[in-house]
Amino acid sequence: MATKVALELIAAGTSVPAATPKANAVIGTPRGVTTGYGGMLDWRITNVGALGAPCVIMFQTSPDGLNWFDLEAAYSADLLANTVTQGPSIPLRMAAMNVRAIAYGNTNSQCLVEAWLEHVTGL
């Protein structure tokens, strides 16, 4: 049976202000994952008010912890107020060195976001 640990990438309830561009994204905690076997990236987006554009959580990987590359994005499923979008999980390959999540987008209203990695640490 595999051994796993949850690594928080963006804390639950983190606010992404309305009209946040990618250049000024909310940046989560970077995690070194060289001692594991990959895992599943999970996320949740809550629309506080009605949106004009979806909120985005972008998962990124880095070979050195300095230069980050987009891996895959997760979007709020709709633009209605008080709705929650969660999953599906995104696989993180075993070769990943570092991972983080950033959040941005959402015109008109703030969003609350969270992201985490279900990291496989042993087989």
N, C-alpha and C. Protein backbone atom coordinates (compact mmCIF):
# COMPACT_ATOMS: atom_id res chain seq x y z
N MET A 1 0.84 -1.18 0.00
CA MET A 1 0.00 0.00 0.00
C MET A 1 0.88 1.24 0.00
N ALA A 2 0.53 2.21 -0.80
CA ALA A 2 1.31 3.44 -0.94
C ALA A 2 1.16 4.32 0.30
N THR A 3 2.23 5.08 0.60
CA THR A 3 2.22 6.07 1.66
C THR A 3 2.01 7.43 1.01
N LYS A 4 1.10 8.24 1.60
CA LYS A 4 0.79 9.53 1.00
C LYS A 4 0.78 10.61 2.08
N VAL A 5 0.97 11.85 1.65
CA VAL A 5 0.88 13.00 2.53
C VAL A 5 0.24 14.14 1.74
N ALA A 6 -0.60 14.93 2.41
CA ALA A 6 -1.22 16.08 1.75
C ALA A 6 -0.31 17.30 1.92
N LEU A 7 0.05 17.95 0.82
CA LEU A 7 0.86 19.16 0.84
C LEU A 7 0.01 20.34 0.39
N GLU A 8 -0.18 21.30 1.26
CA GLU A 8 -0.96 22.49 0.92
C GLU A 8 -0.18 23.36 -0.05
N LEU A 9 -0.82 23.73 -1.15
CA LEU A 9 -0.22 24.62 -2.14
C LEU A 9 -0.80 26.03 -2.02
N ILE A 10 -2.11 26.14 -1.86
CA ILE A 10 -2.79 27.40 -1.56
C ILE A 10 -3.74 27.10 -0.41
N ALA A 11 -3.61 27.84 0.68
CA ALA A 11 -4.41 27.61 1.88
C ALA A 11 -5.90 27.81 1.60
N ALA A 12 -6.72 27.00 2.25
CA ALA A 12 -8.17 27.12 2.11
C ALA A 12 -8.62 28.53 2.47
N GLY A 13 -9.54 29.07 1.68
CA GLY A 13 -10.07 30.39 1.95
C GLY A 13 -9.23 31.55 1.47
N THR A 14 -8.17 31.27 0.70
CA THR A 14 -7.34 32.34 0.15
C THR A 14 -8.16 33.17 -0.85
N SER A 15 -8.13 34.47 -0.69
CA SER A 15 -8.92 35.36 -1.54
C SER A 15 -8.13 35.78 -2.78
N VAL A 16 -8.80 35.73 -3.93
CA VAL A 16 -8.27 36.26 -5.18
C VAL A 16 -9.14 37.47 -5.53
N PRO A 17 -8.61 38.68 -5.41
CA PRO A 17 -9.42 39.88 -5.66
C PRO A 17 -9.94 39.92 -7.11
N ALA A 18 -11.02 40.65 -7.30
CA ALA A 18 -11.58 40.81 -8.64
C ALA A 18 -10.54 41.40 -9.58
N ALA A 19 -10.55 40.96 -10.82
CA ALA A 19 -9.69 41.47 -11.89
C ALA A 19 -8.20 41.30 -11.61
N THR A 20 -7.81 40.17 -11.04
CA THR A 20 -6.40 39.89 -10.79
C THR A 20 -5.77 39.32 -12.06
N PRO A 21 -4.80 40.03 -12.67
CA PRO A 21 -4.15 39.49 -13.87
C PRO A 21 -3.13 38.41 -13.52
N LYS A 22 -2.79 37.58 -14.47
CA LYS A 22 -1.81 36.51 -14.22
C LYS A 22 -0.48 37.09 -13.76
N ALA A 23 -0.10 38.25 -14.26
CA ALA A 23 1.16 38.88 -13.88
C ALA A 23 1.20 39.25 -12.39
N ASN A 24 0.04 39.41 -11.77
CA ASN A 24 -0.05 39.73 -10.34
C ASN A 24 -0.80 38.65 -9.58
N ALA A 25 -0.67 37.42 -10.01
CA ALA A 25 -1.42 36.31 -9.43
C ALA A 25 -1.12 36.13 -7.94
N VAL A 26 -2.09 35.54 -7.24
CA VAL A 26 -1.86 35.09 -5.88
C VAL A 26 -1.00 33.83 -6.00
N ILE A 27 0.15 33.83 -5.34
CA ILE A 27 1.11 32.72 -5.46
C ILE A 27 1.08 31.88 -4.20
N GLY A 28 0.83 30.59 -4.39
CA GLY A 28 0.81 29.66 -3.27
C GLY A 28 2.21 29.23 -2.85
N THR A 29 2.26 28.33 -1.90
CA THR A 29 3.52 27.82 -1.35
C THR A 29 4.18 26.84 -2.31
N PRO A 30 5.41 27.11 -2.75
CA PRO A 30 6.11 26.14 -3.60
C PRO A 30 6.55 24.93 -2.77
N ARG A 31 6.48 23.77 -3.35
CA ARG A 31 6.86 22.53 -2.65
C ARG A 31 7.88 21.74 -3.45
N GLY A 32 8.94 21.33 -2.80
CA GLY A 32 9.89 20.41 -3.40
C GLY A 32 9.34 19.00 -3.31
N VAL A 33 9.31 18.29 -4.41
CA VAL A 33 8.72 16.95 -4.43
C VAL A 33 9.68 15.91 -4.99
N THR A 34 10.97 16.13 -4.81
CA THR A 34 11.97 15.22 -5.37
C THR A 34 12.05 13.90 -4.62
N THR A 35 11.56 13.85 -3.38
CA THR A 35 11.66 12.62 -2.60
C THR A 35 10.44 11.72 -2.71
N GLY A 36 9.55 12.01 -3.66
CA GLY A 36 8.34 11.21 -3.77
C GLY A 36 8.15 10.64 -5.16
N TYR A 37 6.93 10.20 -5.38
CA TYR A 37 6.58 9.49 -6.61
C TYR A 37 5.43 10.17 -7.35
N GLY A 38 5.38 11.51 -7.29
CA GLY A 38 4.29 12.22 -7.94
C GLY A 38 3.05 12.23 -7.07
N GLY A 39 1.90 12.36 -7.69
CA GLY A 39 0.65 12.37 -6.94
C GLY A 39 -0.46 13.03 -7.74
N MET A 40 -1.47 13.47 -7.01
CA MET A 40 -2.64 14.10 -7.63
C MET A 40 -2.80 15.51 -7.09
N LEU A 41 -2.97 16.46 -8.00
CA LEU A 41 -3.21 17.85 -7.64
C LEU A 41 -4.72 18.06 -7.53
N ASP A 42 -5.16 18.58 -6.40
CA ASP A 42 -6.58 18.82 -6.17
C ASP A 42 -6.82 20.29 -5.88
N TRP A 43 -8.04 20.74 -6.09
CA TRP A 43 -8.32 22.17 -6.01
C TRP A 43 -9.81 22.43 -5.78
N ARG A 44 -10.09 23.65 -5.31
CA ARG A 44 -11.48 24.09 -5.10
C ARG A 44 -11.54 25.60 -5.33
N ILE A 45 -12.55 26.06 -6.06
CA ILE A 45 -12.79 27.48 -6.31
C ILE A 45 -14.22 27.80 -5.88
N THR A 46 -14.37 28.84 -5.05
CA THR A 46 -15.68 29.31 -4.63
C THR A 46 -15.89 30.73 -5.14
N ASN A 47 -16.93 30.94 -5.93
CA ASN A 47 -17.27 32.28 -6.40
C ASN A 47 -17.99 33.01 -5.28
N VAL A 48 -17.46 34.14 -4.84
CA VAL A 48 -18.11 34.92 -3.79
C VAL A 48 -19.30 35.69 -4.37
N GLY A 49 -19.10 36.31 -5.52
CA GLY A 49 -20.17 37.02 -6.23
C GLY A 49 -20.20 36.54 -7.67
N ALA A 50 -21.09 37.11 -8.45
CA ALA A 50 -21.16 36.76 -9.87
C ALA A 50 -19.90 37.25 -10.59
N LEU A 51 -19.36 36.42 -11.45
CA LEU A 51 -18.12 36.74 -12.16
C LEU A 51 -18.40 37.13 -13.60
N GLY A 52 -17.50 37.93 -14.18
CA GLY A 52 -17.56 38.24 -15.60
C GLY A 52 -16.65 37.32 -16.39
N ALA A 53 -15.64 36.78 -15.73
CA ALA A 53 -14.70 35.81 -16.32
C ALA A 53 -14.35 34.81 -15.23
N PRO A 54 -14.00 33.58 -15.60
CA PRO A 54 -13.75 32.57 -14.58
C PRO A 54 -12.46 32.83 -13.79
N CYS A 55 -12.46 32.31 -12.58
CA CYS A 55 -11.25 32.28 -11.76
C CYS A 55 -10.40 31.10 -12.25
N VAL A 56 -9.09 31.25 -12.19
CA VAL A 56 -8.17 30.23 -12.68
C VAL A 56 -7.18 29.86 -11.58
N ILE A 57 -6.99 28.56 -11.38
CA ILE A 57 -5.85 28.07 -10.60
C ILE A 57 -4.93 27.41 -11.62
N MET A 58 -3.71 27.92 -11.72
CA MET A 58 -2.73 27.35 -12.64
C MET A 58 -1.69 26.59 -11.82
N PHE A 59 -1.55 25.30 -12.08
CA PHE A 59 -0.49 24.52 -11.45
C PHE A 59 0.77 24.68 -12.29
N GLN A 60 1.89 24.88 -11.61
CA GLN A 60 3.17 25.08 -12.29
C GLN A 60 4.23 24.15 -11.72
N THR A 61 5.18 23.76 -12.56
CA THR A 61 6.33 22.98 -12.11
C THR A 61 7.61 23.75 -12.42
N SER A 62 8.67 23.36 -11.71
CA SER A 62 9.96 24.03 -11.89
C SER A 62 11.08 23.02 -11.68
N PRO A 63 12.14 23.09 -12.50
CA PRO A 63 13.28 22.22 -12.29
C PRO A 63 14.20 22.72 -11.18
N ASP A 64 14.09 24.03 -10.85
CA ASP A 64 15.05 24.62 -9.92
C ASP A 64 14.43 25.48 -8.82
N GLY A 65 13.11 25.63 -8.81
CA GLY A 65 12.43 26.46 -7.82
C GLY A 65 12.48 27.94 -8.14
N LEU A 66 13.07 28.31 -9.27
CA LEU A 66 13.17 29.71 -9.68
C LEU A 66 12.40 30.00 -10.96
N ASN A 67 12.49 29.12 -11.91
CA ASN A 67 11.83 29.27 -13.21
C ASN A 67 10.62 28.34 -13.25
N TRP A 68 9.42 28.93 -13.38
CA TRP A 68 8.18 28.17 -13.28
C TRP A 68 7.52 28.05 -14.65
N PHE A 69 6.97 26.86 -14.92
CA PHE A 69 6.34 26.56 -16.20
C PHE A 69 4.93 26.04 -15.95
N ASP A 70 3.98 26.56 -16.73
CA ASP A 70 2.58 26.15 -16.58
C ASP A 70 2.44 24.66 -16.88
N LEU A 71 1.77 23.97 -15.98
CA LEU A 71 1.49 22.54 -16.16
C LEU A 71 0.06 22.35 -16.65
N GLU A 72 -0.91 22.80 -15.87
CA GLU A 72 -2.30 22.67 -16.26
C GLU A 72 -3.14 23.63 -15.43
N ALA A 73 -4.22 24.12 -16.05
CA ALA A 73 -5.10 25.07 -15.39
C ALA A 73 -6.40 24.41 -14.96
N ALA A 74 -6.98 24.94 -13.88
CA ALA A 74 -8.31 24.57 -13.42
C ALA A 74 -9.14 25.84 -13.39
N TYR A 75 -10.38 25.78 -13.83
CA TYR A 75 -11.23 26.95 -13.95
C TYR A 75 -12.51 26.79 -13.13
N SER A 76 -13.05 27.93 -12.65
CA SER A 76 -14.38 27.87 -12.05
C SER A 76 -15.36 27.45 -13.15
N ALA A 77 -16.29 26.57 -12.81
CA ALA A 77 -17.17 25.96 -13.82
C ALA A 77 -18.23 26.91 -14.34
N ASP A 78 -18.60 27.89 -13.54
CA ASP A 78 -19.62 28.84 -13.99
C ASP A 78 -19.30 30.20 -13.42
N LEU A 79 -20.13 31.17 -13.73
CA LEU A 79 -19.90 32.55 -13.31
C LEU A 79 -20.91 33.01 -12.26
N LEU A 80 -21.73 32.11 -11.74
CA LEU A 80 -22.77 32.46 -10.79
C LEU A 80 -22.21 32.69 -9.39
N ALA A 81 -22.87 33.54 -8.62
CA ALA A 81 -22.44 33.80 -7.24
C ALA A 81 -22.64 32.57 -6.36
N ASN A 82 -21.76 32.42 -5.38
CA ASN A 82 -21.88 31.39 -4.34
C ASN A 82 -21.84 29.97 -4.86
N THR A 83 -21.14 29.73 -5.96
CA THR A 83 -21.01 28.37 -6.47
C THR A 83 -19.60 27.86 -6.18
N VAL A 84 -19.49 26.54 -6.07
CA VAL A 84 -18.22 25.88 -5.77
C VAL A 84 -17.88 24.92 -6.89
N THR A 85 -16.65 24.99 -7.37
CA THR A 85 -16.15 24.05 -8.37
C THR A 85 -14.97 23.31 -7.76
N GLN A 86 -14.98 21.98 -7.86
CA GLN A 86 -13.88 21.18 -7.33
C GLN A 86 -13.58 20.03 -8.27
N GLY A 87 -12.27 19.78 -8.49
CA GLY A 87 -11.83 18.64 -9.30
C GLY A 87 -12.25 18.76 -10.76
N PRO A 88 -11.87 17.85 -11.60
CA PRO A 88 -11.20 16.60 -11.28
C PRO A 88 -9.73 16.77 -10.94
N SER A 89 -9.17 15.79 -10.28
CA SER A 89 -7.76 15.81 -9.91
C SER A 89 -6.88 15.82 -11.15
N ILE A 90 -5.72 16.44 -11.02
CA ILE A 90 -4.75 16.54 -12.11
C ILE A 90 -3.51 15.75 -11.71
N PRO A 91 -3.07 14.80 -12.53
CA PRO A 91 -1.90 14.01 -12.16
C PRO A 91 -0.60 14.82 -12.21
N LEU A 92 0.25 14.60 -11.22
CA LEU A 92 1.60 15.17 -11.19
C LEU A 92 2.57 14.02 -11.40
N ARG A 93 3.35 14.10 -12.45
CA ARG A 93 4.25 13.00 -12.80
C ARG A 93 5.37 12.82 -11.76
N MET A 94 5.91 11.63 -11.72
CA MET A 94 6.94 11.29 -10.76
C MET A 94 8.22 12.10 -10.98
N ALA A 95 8.48 12.54 -12.18
CA ALA A 95 9.72 13.27 -12.49
C ALA A 95 9.70 14.72 -12.01
N ALA A 96 8.57 15.22 -11.52
CA ALA A 96 8.48 16.62 -11.09
C ALA A 96 9.47 16.91 -9.96
N MET A 97 10.08 18.08 -10.01
CA MET A 97 11.04 18.50 -8.99
C MET A 97 10.41 19.44 -7.96
N ASN A 98 9.64 20.42 -8.46
CA ASN A 98 8.98 21.42 -7.62
C ASN A 98 7.61 21.70 -8.21
N VAL A 99 6.65 22.02 -7.35
CA VAL A 99 5.30 22.33 -7.80
C VAL A 99 4.74 23.48 -6.97
N ARG A 100 3.89 24.30 -7.60
CA ARG A 100 3.17 25.35 -6.90
C ARG A 100 1.88 25.63 -7.66
N ALA A 101 1.02 26.43 -7.05
CA ALA A 101 -0.21 26.85 -7.71
C ALA A 101 -0.32 28.37 -7.61
N ILE A 102 -0.83 28.99 -8.66
CA ILE A 102 -1.12 30.42 -8.64
C ILE A 102 -2.59 30.59 -9.01
N ALA A 103 -3.19 31.72 -8.60
CA ALA A 103 -4.60 31.95 -8.89
C ALA A 103 -4.79 33.38 -9.40
N TYR A 104 -5.68 33.53 -10.39
CA TYR A 104 -5.91 34.84 -11.00
C TYR A 104 -7.20 34.81 -11.80
N GLY A 105 -7.54 35.93 -12.44
CA GLY A 105 -8.71 36.02 -13.32
C GLY A 105 -9.87 36.70 -12.63
N ASN A 106 -11.05 36.14 -12.79
CA ASN A 106 -12.29 36.53 -12.13
C ASN A 106 -12.59 38.03 -12.10
N THR A 107 -13.19 38.55 -13.12
CA THR A 107 -13.63 39.94 -13.10
C THR A 107 -14.89 40.09 -12.27
N ASN A 108 -15.17 41.26 -11.78
CA ASN A 108 -16.38 41.66 -11.06
C ASN A 108 -16.42 41.28 -9.59
N SER A 109 -15.86 40.19 -9.16
CA SER A 109 -15.99 39.75 -7.78
C SER A 109 -14.80 38.88 -7.40
N GLN A 110 -14.56 38.76 -6.09
CA GLN A 110 -13.47 37.90 -5.62
C GLN A 110 -13.87 36.43 -5.66
N CYS A 111 -12.87 35.57 -5.61
CA CYS A 111 -13.05 34.13 -5.47
C CYS A 111 -12.23 33.68 -4.27
N LEU A 112 -12.65 32.58 -3.68
CA LEU A 112 -11.87 31.93 -2.64
C LEU A 112 -11.33 30.64 -3.25
N VAL A 113 -10.04 30.38 -3.06
CA VAL A 113 -9.42 29.22 -3.70
C VAL A 113 -8.64 28.39 -2.68
N GLU A 114 -8.41 27.15 -3.03
CA GLU A 114 -7.47 26.30 -2.30
C GLU A 114 -6.96 25.24 -3.25
N ALA A 115 -5.73 24.80 -2.99
CA ALA A 115 -5.11 23.77 -3.83
C ALA A 115 -4.16 22.95 -2.97
N TRP A 116 -4.07 21.67 -3.27
CA TRP A 116 -3.18 20.80 -2.52
C TRP A 116 -2.72 19.65 -3.40
N LEU A 117 -1.65 19.01 -2.95
CA LEU A 117 -1.09 17.86 -3.64
C LEU A 117 -1.23 16.65 -2.73
N GLU A 118 -1.84 15.59 -3.22
CA GLU A 118 -1.83 14.30 -2.54
C GLU A 118 -0.57 13.60 -3.03
N HIS A 119 0.51 13.77 -2.26
CA HIS A 119 1.86 13.37 -2.66
C HIS A 119 2.16 11.93 -2.23
N VAL A 120 2.54 11.11 -3.18
CA VAL A 120 2.91 9.72 -2.87
C VAL A 120 4.37 9.71 -2.43
N THR A 121 4.61 9.33 -1.18
CA THR A 121 5.97 9.39 -0.62
C THR A 121 6.61 8.00 -0.47
N GLY A 122 5.83 6.96 -0.64
CA GLY A 122 6.38 5.62 -0.53
C GLY A 122 5.51 4.62 -1.23
N LEU A 123 6.12 3.53 -1.70
CA LEU A 123 5.37 2.49 -2.41
C LEU A 123 5.44 1.18 -1.65
